[in-house]
Amino acid sequence: MKFVIVIFIVIVALLNLSNLAQANHITNPAEGIFVDFGGDNNTFGYLFGVFLNALLGLAGIAAILFLVIGGFQYMTSGANQEMAETGKKTVTNAIIGIVVIILSYVIVNVINNILK
């Protein structure tokens, strides 16, 4: 439940950035972080690319969060071997998740560059 609340707070904070962009003197803090998926910003390819990058970013945040949780479980397990094993498995799965996320990001961008 706490994870859902944290994600909700992050989303609300990011949505609030669009209100700051209405003033002329404030620049876009996210300028250049998205991969350019084609010329026009109204194309399906561009919007789908922005969606995939945002989704992969959220997946990366979740994987890093699980890495921290697994490390905490392992470090606080003490003499409890069962909790230590749970922590090790969580860390291992989080690292596998991070690798899969990075590879999927690379694959999406390579395919997109080929299709341009």
N, C-alpha and C. Protein backbone atom coordinates (compact mmCIF):
# COMPACT_ATOMS: atom_id res chain seq x y z
N MET A 1 0.82 -1.18 0.00
CA MET A 1 0.00 0.00 0.00
C MET A 1 0.87 1.26 0.00
N LYS A 2 1.98 1.22 0.74
CA LYS A 2 2.87 2.37 0.78
C LYS A 2 3.46 2.64 -0.59
N PHE A 3 3.75 1.57 -1.35
CA PHE A 3 4.32 1.71 -2.68
C PHE A 3 3.34 2.46 -3.60
N VAL A 4 2.07 2.13 -3.50
CA VAL A 4 1.05 2.79 -4.33
C VAL A 4 0.95 4.26 -3.97
N ILE A 5 1.05 4.58 -2.68
CA ILE A 5 0.99 5.97 -2.25
C ILE A 5 2.20 6.75 -2.77
N VAL A 6 3.38 6.15 -2.72
CA VAL A 6 4.59 6.81 -3.21
C VAL A 6 4.48 7.05 -4.71
N ILE A 7 4.01 6.07 -5.46
CA ILE A 7 3.85 6.23 -6.91
C ILE A 7 2.83 7.34 -7.19
N PHE A 8 1.74 7.40 -6.44
CA PHE A 8 0.73 8.43 -6.62
C PHE A 8 1.33 9.81 -6.37
N ILE A 9 2.13 9.96 -5.33
CA ILE A 9 2.74 11.25 -5.02
C ILE A 9 3.71 11.66 -6.13
N VAL A 10 4.48 10.73 -6.65
CA VAL A 10 5.41 11.03 -7.74
C VAL A 10 4.65 11.47 -8.98
N ILE A 11 3.57 10.79 -9.31
CA ILE A 11 2.78 11.15 -10.49
C ILE A 11 2.18 12.54 -10.32
N VAL A 12 1.63 12.83 -9.15
CA VAL A 12 1.05 14.15 -8.91
C VAL A 12 2.12 15.23 -9.00
N ALA A 13 3.30 14.96 -8.48
CA ALA A 13 4.38 15.93 -8.55
C ALA A 13 4.80 16.17 -9.99
N LEU A 14 4.85 15.13 -10.80
CA LEU A 14 5.22 15.30 -12.20
C LEU A 14 4.13 16.01 -12.99
N LEU A 15 2.88 15.78 -12.66
CA LEU A 15 1.79 16.48 -13.34
C LEU A 15 1.81 17.97 -13.01
N ASN A 16 2.28 18.31 -11.85
CA ASN A 16 2.33 19.71 -11.44
C ASN A 16 3.40 20.48 -12.22
N LEU A 17 4.39 19.81 -12.78
CA LEU A 17 5.43 20.48 -13.57
C LEU A 17 4.84 21.16 -14.80
N SER A 18 3.75 20.61 -15.35
CA SER A 18 3.15 21.22 -16.54
C SER A 18 2.58 22.59 -16.22
N ASN A 19 2.15 22.83 -14.99
CA ASN A 19 1.65 24.15 -14.62
C ASN A 19 2.77 25.18 -14.57
N LEU A 20 3.96 24.74 -14.19
CA LEU A 20 5.10 25.66 -14.14
C LEU A 20 5.55 26.09 -15.53
N ALA A 21 5.30 25.27 -16.52
CA ALA A 21 5.75 25.57 -17.88
C ALA A 21 4.92 26.67 -18.53
N GLN A 22 3.84 27.13 -17.92
CA GLN A 22 3.00 28.16 -18.50
C GLN A 22 3.69 29.53 -18.46
N ALA A 23 4.56 29.75 -17.51
CA ALA A 23 5.27 31.02 -17.43
C ALA A 23 6.37 31.06 -18.48
N ASN A 24 6.65 32.23 -19.02
CA ASN A 24 7.63 32.36 -20.09
C ASN A 24 9.06 32.19 -19.63
N HIS A 25 9.35 32.48 -18.39
CA HIS A 25 10.73 32.46 -17.93
C HIS A 25 11.19 31.08 -17.43
N ILE A 26 10.31 30.10 -17.39
CA ILE A 26 10.67 28.77 -16.90
C ILE A 26 10.88 27.85 -18.10
N THR A 27 12.00 27.16 -18.12
CA THR A 27 12.29 26.25 -19.22
C THR A 27 11.84 24.85 -18.87
N ASN A 28 11.78 24.01 -19.85
CA ASN A 28 11.34 22.63 -19.67
C ASN A 28 12.48 21.82 -19.03
N PRO A 29 12.31 21.31 -17.81
CA PRO A 29 13.38 20.55 -17.17
C PRO A 29 13.59 19.19 -17.80
N ALA A 30 12.63 18.71 -18.57
CA ALA A 30 12.73 17.39 -19.19
C ALA A 30 13.21 17.48 -20.63
N GLU A 31 13.68 18.61 -21.05
CA GLU A 31 14.11 18.80 -22.43
C GLU A 31 15.25 17.84 -22.77
N GLY A 32 15.06 17.04 -23.78
CA GLY A 32 16.11 16.16 -24.28
C GLY A 32 16.21 14.81 -23.59
N ILE A 33 15.34 14.49 -22.63
CA ILE A 33 15.47 13.19 -21.98
C ILE A 33 14.73 12.11 -22.75
N PHE A 34 13.80 12.51 -23.62
CA PHE A 34 13.08 11.52 -24.41
C PHE A 34 13.79 11.30 -25.73
N VAL A 35 13.74 10.09 -26.22
CA VAL A 35 14.33 9.77 -27.50
C VAL A 35 13.42 10.31 -28.59
N ASP A 36 13.98 10.95 -29.59
CA ASP A 36 13.18 11.49 -30.68
C ASP A 36 12.74 10.35 -31.58
N PHE A 37 11.45 10.06 -31.61
CA PHE A 37 10.93 8.94 -32.38
C PHE A 37 10.36 9.39 -33.72
N GLY A 38 10.82 10.43 -34.27
CA GLY A 38 10.33 10.86 -35.57
C GLY A 38 10.09 12.36 -35.58
N GLY A 39 9.94 12.90 -36.77
CA GLY A 39 9.87 14.33 -36.94
C GLY A 39 8.77 15.03 -36.19
N ASP A 40 7.54 14.72 -36.47
CA ASP A 40 6.42 15.48 -35.92
C ASP A 40 6.02 14.94 -34.55
N ASN A 41 5.71 15.83 -33.63
CA ASN A 41 5.34 15.40 -32.29
C ASN A 41 3.93 14.83 -32.22
N ASN A 42 3.16 14.91 -33.28
CA ASN A 42 1.80 14.42 -33.27
C ASN A 42 1.68 13.03 -33.89
N THR A 43 2.76 12.43 -34.26
CA THR A 43 2.69 11.11 -34.90
C THR A 43 2.53 10.02 -33.84
N PHE A 44 1.97 8.91 -34.28
CA PHE A 44 1.78 7.78 -33.37
C PHE A 44 3.11 7.23 -32.89
N GLY A 45 4.10 7.18 -33.78
CA GLY A 45 5.41 6.65 -33.41
C GLY A 45 6.07 7.47 -32.31
N TYR A 46 5.97 8.79 -32.42
CA TYR A 46 6.56 9.65 -31.40
C TYR A 46 5.86 9.46 -30.05
N LEU A 47 4.53 9.49 -30.08
CA LEU A 47 3.78 9.34 -28.84
C LEU A 47 3.98 7.96 -28.22
N PHE A 48 4.05 6.93 -29.05
CA PHE A 48 4.30 5.59 -28.54
C PHE A 48 5.69 5.49 -27.94
N GLY A 49 6.66 6.16 -28.55
CA GLY A 49 8.02 6.18 -28.00
C GLY A 49 8.08 6.89 -26.66
N VAL A 50 7.37 8.00 -26.52
CA VAL A 50 7.32 8.71 -25.25
C VAL A 50 6.67 7.81 -24.19
N PHE A 51 5.59 7.12 -24.58
CA PHE A 51 4.91 6.21 -23.66
C PHE A 51 5.85 5.08 -23.22
N LEU A 52 6.57 4.48 -24.18
CA LEU A 52 7.48 3.39 -23.83
C LEU A 52 8.62 3.87 -22.93
N ASN A 53 9.16 5.04 -23.21
CA ASN A 53 10.23 5.57 -22.37
C ASN A 53 9.73 5.83 -20.95
N ALA A 54 8.52 6.37 -20.82
CA ALA A 54 7.97 6.61 -19.49
C ALA A 54 7.71 5.28 -18.77
N LEU A 55 7.20 4.30 -19.50
CA LEU A 55 6.93 3.00 -18.90
C LEU A 55 8.23 2.31 -18.46
N LEU A 56 9.24 2.38 -19.30
CA LEU A 56 10.53 1.78 -18.94
C LEU A 56 11.17 2.52 -17.76
N GLY A 57 10.97 3.83 -17.70
CA GLY A 57 11.48 4.60 -16.56
C GLY A 57 10.81 4.19 -15.26
N LEU A 58 9.50 4.02 -15.29
CA LEU A 58 8.78 3.57 -14.09
C LEU A 58 9.21 2.15 -13.71
N ALA A 59 9.41 1.30 -14.70
CA ALA A 59 9.87 -0.06 -14.41
C ALA A 59 11.27 -0.03 -13.79
N GLY A 60 12.12 0.86 -14.27
CA GLY A 60 13.46 1.00 -13.68
C GLY A 60 13.41 1.47 -12.25
N ILE A 61 12.52 2.42 -11.96
CA ILE A 61 12.36 2.89 -10.59
C ILE A 61 11.89 1.75 -9.69
N ALA A 62 10.93 0.97 -10.19
CA ALA A 62 10.42 -0.16 -9.40
C ALA A 62 11.51 -1.19 -9.16
N ALA A 63 12.33 -1.47 -10.18
CA ALA A 63 13.41 -2.46 -10.02
C ALA A 63 14.44 -1.98 -9.01
N ILE A 64 14.78 -0.72 -9.05
CA ILE A 64 15.74 -0.18 -8.08
C ILE A 64 15.15 -0.21 -6.67
N LEU A 65 13.85 0.08 -6.56
CA LEU A 65 13.19 0.00 -5.27
C LEU A 65 13.24 -1.42 -4.72
N PHE A 66 12.99 -2.43 -5.58
CA PHE A 66 13.09 -3.81 -5.13
C PHE A 66 14.52 -4.20 -4.78
N LEU A 67 15.49 -3.62 -5.46
CA LEU A 67 16.89 -3.87 -5.12
C LEU A 67 17.19 -3.36 -3.71
N VAL A 68 16.68 -2.19 -3.39
CA VAL A 68 16.88 -1.62 -2.05
C VAL A 68 16.15 -2.47 -1.00
N ILE A 69 14.92 -2.87 -1.31
CA ILE A 69 14.14 -3.69 -0.37
C ILE A 69 14.85 -5.02 -0.12
N GLY A 70 15.33 -5.65 -1.17
CA GLY A 70 16.04 -6.93 -1.01
C GLY A 70 17.32 -6.77 -0.21
N GLY A 71 18.05 -5.69 -0.45
CA GLY A 71 19.25 -5.44 0.32
C GLY A 71 18.95 -5.20 1.79
N PHE A 72 17.86 -4.48 2.05
CA PHE A 72 17.45 -4.25 3.43
C PHE A 72 17.05 -5.56 4.10
N GLN A 73 16.31 -6.42 3.38
CA GLN A 73 15.92 -7.72 3.94
C GLN A 73 17.15 -8.56 4.26
N TYR A 74 18.11 -8.54 3.37
CA TYR A 74 19.32 -9.35 3.58
C TYR A 74 20.14 -8.82 4.75
N MET A 75 20.29 -7.49 4.81
CA MET A 75 21.12 -6.91 5.86
C MET A 75 20.49 -7.04 7.25
N THR A 76 19.17 -7.04 7.32
CA THR A 76 18.51 -7.11 8.62
C THR A 76 18.05 -8.52 8.99
N SER A 77 18.47 -9.51 8.22
CA SER A 77 18.01 -10.88 8.49
C SER A 77 18.63 -11.46 9.75
N GLY A 78 19.81 -11.02 10.10
CA GLY A 78 20.47 -11.54 11.30
C GLY A 78 20.75 -13.03 11.15
N ALA A 79 20.31 -13.83 12.09
CA ALA A 79 20.54 -15.28 12.06
C ALA A 79 19.42 -16.01 11.34
N ASN A 80 18.41 -15.31 10.86
CA ASN A 80 17.27 -15.91 10.19
C ASN A 80 17.66 -16.24 8.74
N GLN A 81 17.96 -17.50 8.48
CA GLN A 81 18.41 -17.92 7.14
C GLN A 81 17.30 -17.77 6.10
N GLU A 82 16.06 -17.97 6.51
CA GLU A 82 14.94 -17.88 5.56
C GLU A 82 14.80 -16.45 5.04
N MET A 83 14.93 -15.48 5.93
CA MET A 83 14.82 -14.07 5.50
C MET A 83 16.04 -13.67 4.67
N ALA A 84 17.21 -14.23 4.99
CA ALA A 84 18.40 -13.95 4.19
C ALA A 84 18.22 -14.48 2.77
N GLU A 85 17.66 -15.67 2.63
CA GLU A 85 17.41 -16.24 1.30
C GLU A 85 16.39 -15.40 0.53
N THR A 86 15.35 -14.92 1.24
CA THR A 86 14.36 -14.07 0.60
C THR A 86 15.01 -12.79 0.09
N GLY A 87 15.88 -12.20 0.89
CA GLY A 87 16.60 -10.99 0.47
C GLY A 87 17.48 -11.23 -0.72
N LYS A 88 18.20 -12.37 -0.72
CA LYS A 88 19.07 -12.71 -1.86
C LYS A 88 18.26 -12.88 -3.13
N LYS A 89 17.12 -13.58 -3.02
CA LYS A 89 16.27 -13.79 -4.19
C LYS A 89 15.71 -12.47 -4.72
N THR A 90 15.33 -11.58 -3.81
CA THR A 90 14.80 -10.29 -4.22
C THR A 90 15.87 -9.47 -4.94
N VAL A 91 17.09 -9.47 -4.41
CA VAL A 91 18.19 -8.74 -5.05
C VAL A 91 18.50 -9.34 -6.41
N THR A 92 18.55 -10.67 -6.50
CA THR A 92 18.84 -11.33 -7.77
C THR A 92 17.77 -11.00 -8.81
N ASN A 93 16.50 -11.09 -8.42
CA ASN A 93 15.43 -10.79 -9.36
C ASN A 93 15.41 -9.32 -9.76
N ALA A 94 15.76 -8.43 -8.85
CA ALA A 94 15.82 -7.01 -9.18
C ALA A 94 16.93 -6.73 -10.18
N ILE A 95 18.08 -7.38 -10.02
CA ILE A 95 19.18 -7.19 -10.97
C ILE A 95 18.79 -7.74 -12.34
N ILE A 96 18.15 -8.90 -12.36
CA ILE A 96 17.66 -9.45 -13.64
C ILE A 96 16.67 -8.48 -14.28
N GLY A 97 15.78 -7.89 -13.47
CA GLY A 97 14.82 -6.93 -13.99
C GLY A 97 15.49 -5.70 -14.57
N ILE A 98 16.51 -5.20 -13.91
CA ILE A 98 17.24 -4.02 -14.41
C ILE A 98 17.90 -4.34 -15.75
N VAL A 99 18.50 -5.53 -15.86
CA VAL A 99 19.14 -5.93 -17.12
C VAL A 99 18.10 -6.03 -18.24
N VAL A 100 16.94 -6.63 -17.94
CA VAL A 100 15.89 -6.76 -18.95
C VAL A 100 15.37 -5.39 -19.37
N ILE A 101 15.22 -4.47 -18.43
CA ILE A 101 14.75 -3.13 -18.76
C ILE A 101 15.76 -2.41 -19.65
N ILE A 102 17.03 -2.50 -19.33
CA ILE A 102 18.06 -1.85 -20.15
C ILE A 102 18.09 -2.45 -21.55
N LEU A 103 18.02 -3.77 -21.64
CA LEU A 103 18.02 -4.42 -22.95
C LEU A 103 16.78 -4.06 -23.76
N SER A 104 15.64 -3.98 -23.12
CA SER A 104 14.42 -3.61 -23.85
C SER A 104 14.50 -2.17 -24.35
N TYR A 105 15.09 -1.28 -23.57
CA TYR A 105 15.28 0.10 -24.01
C TYR A 105 16.18 0.15 -25.25
N VAL A 106 17.26 -0.61 -25.22
CA VAL A 106 18.18 -0.64 -26.36
C VAL A 106 17.49 -1.23 -27.59
N ILE A 107 16.76 -2.31 -27.41
CA ILE A 107 16.09 -2.96 -28.54
C ILE A 107 15.05 -2.02 -29.16
N VAL A 108 14.26 -1.35 -28.34
CA VAL A 108 13.25 -0.42 -28.86
C VAL A 108 13.91 0.69 -29.65
N ASN A 109 15.00 1.25 -29.14
CA ASN A 109 15.66 2.35 -29.84
C ASN A 109 16.36 1.88 -31.12
N VAL A 110 16.93 0.70 -31.12
CA VAL A 110 17.56 0.19 -32.34
C VAL A 110 16.51 -0.06 -33.41
N ILE A 111 15.40 -0.67 -33.06
CA ILE A 111 14.33 -0.91 -34.03
C ILE A 111 13.76 0.40 -34.54
N ASN A 112 13.61 1.37 -33.65
CA ASN A 112 13.10 2.66 -34.08
C ASN A 112 14.05 3.36 -35.05
N ASN A 113 15.35 3.28 -34.78
CA ASN A 113 16.32 3.91 -35.69
C ASN A 113 16.36 3.20 -37.04
N ILE A 114 16.12 1.91 -37.06
CA ILE A 114 16.08 1.18 -38.32
C ILE A 114 14.86 1.57 -39.14
N LEU A 115 13.73 1.77 -38.46
CA LEU A 115 12.48 2.10 -39.15
C LEU A 115 12.39 3.55 -39.59
N LYS A 116 13.28 4.42 -39.14
CA LYS A 116 13.23 5.84 -39.52
C LYS A 116 13.52 6.00 -40.99
